[in-house]
Protein backbone atom coordinates (compact mmCIF):
# COMPACT_ATOMS: atom_id res chain seq x y z
CA MET A 1 -21.48 -30.63 -41.26
CA ALA A 2 -19.40 -27.45 -41.15
CA ARG A 3 -22.56 -25.35 -41.61
CA GLN A 4 -24.27 -27.14 -38.69
CA LEU A 5 -21.25 -26.47 -36.44
CA LEU A 6 -21.25 -22.80 -37.47
CA ASN A 7 -24.98 -22.48 -36.70
CA LEU A 8 -24.49 -24.22 -33.35
CA ALA A 9 -21.65 -21.83 -32.50
CA ARG A 10 -23.80 -18.80 -33.41
CA MET A 11 -26.71 -20.09 -31.32
CA THR A 12 -24.43 -20.71 -28.32
CA THR A 13 -23.04 -17.16 -28.62
CA VAL A 14 -26.53 -15.65 -28.79
CA LEU A 15 -27.75 -17.68 -25.80
CA ALA A 16 -24.67 -16.78 -23.75
CA GLY A 17 -25.13 -13.09 -24.59
CA THR A 18 -28.82 -13.24 -23.67
CA ALA A 19 -28.12 -14.97 -20.36
CA GLY A 20 -25.54 -12.33 -19.48
CA ALA A 21 -27.90 -9.50 -20.44
CA THR A 22 -30.66 -10.72 -18.13
CA ALA A 23 -28.44 -11.19 -15.07
CA CYS A 24 -29.30 -9.11 -12.03
CA VAL A 25 -26.56 -6.65 -11.07
CA ILE A 26 -26.38 -5.53 -7.46
CA PRO A 27 -24.18 -2.46 -7.00
CA PRO A 28 -21.53 -2.63 -4.24
CA ASN A 29 -21.93 -0.61 -1.08
CA ALA A 30 -20.04 2.67 -1.59
CA GLU A 31 -19.83 3.59 2.10
CA LEU A 32 -16.31 2.92 3.49
CA GLU A 33 -17.51 2.53 7.09
CA GLN A 34 -20.09 -0.10 6.09
CA GLN A 35 -17.82 -2.13 3.83
CA ASP A 36 -17.04 -5.62 5.08
CA ALA A 37 -13.79 -6.59 3.39
CA GLY A 38 -13.43 -9.50 5.75
CA HIS A 39 -11.10 -10.32 8.58
CA ARG A 40 -8.25 -11.09 6.18
CA ALA A 41 -8.36 -7.80 4.24
CA PRO A 42 -4.96 -6.07 4.11
CA PRO A 43 -4.31 -2.91 6.11
CA VAL A 44 -4.58 0.29 4.05
CA ILE A 45 -3.07 3.75 4.56
CA VAL A 46 -5.98 6.14 4.09
CA SER A 47 -4.31 9.47 4.93
CA SER A 48 -1.10 11.15 6.00
CA GLY A 49 -0.22 14.36 7.75
CA PRO A 50 0.50 16.88 9.10
CA GLY A 51 0.57 19.77 6.62
CA ASP A 52 3.40 19.17 4.18
CA PHE A 53 2.89 15.40 4.50
CA ALA A 54 -0.77 15.42 3.43
CA VAL A 55 -2.02 13.58 0.38
CA PRO A 56 -1.74 14.16 -2.56
CA GLY A 57 1.64 15.77 -1.93
CA PRO A 58 4.31 16.25 -2.93
CA LEU A 59 5.70 15.78 0.56
CA ILE A 60 8.18 18.54 1.30
CA LEU A 61 10.84 17.69 3.86
CA GLU A 62 13.82 19.55 5.26
CA ARG A 63 16.82 17.25 5.48
CA GLY A 64 17.44 16.04 9.03
CA SER A 65 13.94 17.01 10.18
CA ASP A 66 12.76 15.46 13.44
CA GLU A 67 9.11 15.75 12.41
CA ASP A 68 7.12 12.53 12.11
CA ILE A 69 4.81 11.64 9.27
CA VAL A 70 1.51 10.52 10.76
CA LEU A 71 -0.22 7.72 8.86
CA THR A 72 -3.85 6.78 9.37
CA VAL A 73 -4.27 3.08 8.63
CA VAL A 74 -7.49 1.07 8.43
CA ASP A 75 -7.24 -2.63 9.31
CA ASN A 76 -10.13 -5.04 9.87
CA ASP A 77 -8.04 -7.31 12.10
CA LEU A 78 -8.37 -5.50 15.41
CA GLU A 79 -5.86 -7.81 17.11
CA SER A 80 -2.91 -7.53 14.70
CA ASP A 81 0.17 -5.38 15.05
CA LEU A 82 0.82 -3.15 12.03
CA TYR A 83 4.27 -2.63 10.53
CA VAL A 84 5.37 0.09 8.10
CA ARG A 85 8.54 0.43 6.06
CA MET A 86 9.30 3.45 3.89
CA TYR A 87 11.51 3.51 0.81
CA VAL A 88 12.79 6.28 -1.48
CA ASN A 89 13.34 5.51 -5.16
CA TYR A 90 12.85 1.76 -4.77
CA PRO A 91 14.09 -0.47 -6.49
CA ASP A 92 17.11 1.70 -7.41
CA ASP A 93 17.73 2.08 -3.67
CA THR A 94 16.38 -0.83 -1.60
CA SER A 95 17.29 0.72 1.77
CA VAL A 96 14.62 1.02 4.44
CA ARG A 97 14.46 4.78 5.14
CA ALA A 98 11.95 4.59 8.00
CA GLU A 99 10.39 1.83 10.02
CA CYS A 100 7.52 2.07 12.49
CA GLN A 101 4.78 -0.02 14.01
CA VAL A 102 1.71 0.12 16.23
CA GLY A 103 0.00 -2.52 18.34
CA PRO A 104 -3.66 -3.45 18.53
CA SER A 105 -6.04 -0.75 19.74
CA GLY A 106 -9.42 -2.42 19.35
CA GLU A 107 -10.24 0.07 16.57
CA ARG A 108 -10.20 -0.40 12.78
CA GLU A 109 -8.52 2.98 12.28
CA ARG A 110 -5.07 3.38 13.80
CA ILE A 111 -2.50 6.14 13.86
CA ILE A 112 1.14 5.28 13.16
CA GLU A 113 3.88 7.88 13.60
CA CYS A 114 6.96 7.30 11.44
CA PRO A 115 10.23 9.23 11.64
CA THR A 116 11.28 11.29 8.62
CA ARG A 117 14.91 11.96 9.63
CA ARG A 118 16.39 9.43 7.15
CA LEU A 119 13.97 9.82 4.23
CA CYS A 120 16.36 12.13 2.35
CA ASP A 121 19.46 9.99 3.00
CA GLY A 122 20.85 8.85 -0.33
CA VAL A 123 19.44 11.89 -2.17
CA ALA A 124 22.24 14.29 -3.18
CA ASP A 125 22.30 17.51 -1.10
CA GLU A 126 21.78 19.72 -4.16
CA ASP A 127 18.97 17.53 -5.53
CA THR A 128 15.60 19.20 -4.94
CA SER A 129 13.82 17.25 -7.67
CA ARG A 130 10.91 14.93 -6.92
CA GLN A 131 11.79 11.55 -5.45
CA PHE A 132 9.48 8.51 -5.28
CA LEU A 133 8.48 7.73 -1.67
CA GLU A 134 6.64 4.49 -0.85
CA ALA A 135 5.18 3.18 2.37
CA LEU A 136 4.50 -0.53 2.70
CA VAL A 137 2.09 -1.41 5.54
CA ALA A 138 1.65 -5.03 6.65
CA ASN A 139 -0.14 -6.96 9.37
CA ARG A 140 2.84 -9.27 9.95
CA ALA A 141 6.45 -8.48 10.84
CA PHE A 142 8.92 -8.15 7.97
CA LEU A 143 11.29 -11.06 7.45
CA PRO A 144 15.07 -10.72 7.22
CA ASP A 145 16.33 -11.12 3.64
CA ASN A 146 18.16 -14.34 4.58
CA HIS A 147 14.94 -16.02 5.80
CA GLU A 148 13.77 -19.07 3.83
CA GLU A 149 10.43 -17.44 2.91
CA ALA A 150 12.26 -14.30 1.71
CA GLU A 151 14.25 -16.01 -1.06
CA SER A 152 11.86 -15.12 -3.90
CA GLN A 153 10.79 -11.72 -2.53
CA ASP A 154 12.12 -8.21 -3.14
CA PRO A 155 14.98 -7.03 -0.87
CA ASN A 156 13.85 -5.47 2.43
CA ARG A 157 10.20 -6.21 1.61
CA ALA A 158 9.93 -9.87 2.55
CA LEU A 159 6.80 -10.88 4.45
CA PRO A 160 5.32 -14.18 5.63
CA ASP A 161 3.02 -15.88 3.13
CA ASP A 162 -0.08 -15.11 5.21
CA ALA A 163 0.67 -11.37 5.54
CA GLY A 164 -1.81 -8.80 4.32
CA PHE A 165 -0.13 -5.68 2.91
CA SER A 166 -0.63 -2.62 0.73
CA PHE A 167 1.40 0.32 -0.60
CA ARG A 168 0.94 4.08 -0.56
CA ALA A 169 3.13 6.36 -2.65
CA TRP A 170 3.93 10.06 -2.77
CA MET A 171 6.37 12.35 -4.50
CA LEU A 172 8.98 13.65 -2.04
CA ILE A 173 11.03 16.85 -2.27
CA CYS A 174 14.09 17.12 -0.01
CA LEU A 175 15.08 20.67 0.90
CA GLU A 176 18.30 21.98 2.47
CA ASP A 177 18.39 22.57 6.24
CA ASP A 178 17.67 26.16 7.18
C-alpha cells in the first residue's frame, strides 16, 4: 500500500511538472504609456526635480531653502485629487516635513510642487550626513491620527481603506545656509 501511494505521488508530481512546462507564457507589455494598470492603480511618483532634487539623488538642500521639489506623478484616475506627505528619518521622527496636493487635470501625468523649507527641521545643524527622505503619494486625503480608521495605521500616514498609495525614497543631505 505504501509503495502504491509513493508511485501515485511521483506520477502526480511528474504530471504537474509536465502541465506547467507546456503552459503558454505571454510576456507583459513593457511600454509604460501602453500599460493598463486599471482605474484603481495607485498613483506613482516617476521623477523629481529640479537639479539637486533629481533621482537618484542624494537630494542636496540648503537649510531654510524656499525652493520647491517638483514631483511628476502618474495616476490612472483622472478625476482624483493627489496628496503628498514627506518625512525625514521615519519612523524615528514621524513628523510631516512637507505636505502638498494637486487637483484633477484630465491627464495621467501630473506635476506637484512641494515646499522644502522644513525638510531639514529636526536634523542637527552640524549634521551633513545622509538622511532618509520619503514621499508618500495617495489618491485620498490623509486621515487625522485620532480618526477611527487610523487606529491601526502608522502615525501621520493614515489613509482611508480605499486609498491607493505608493512611496518614493531618496537620501537627503542638509547643508548650512550660505
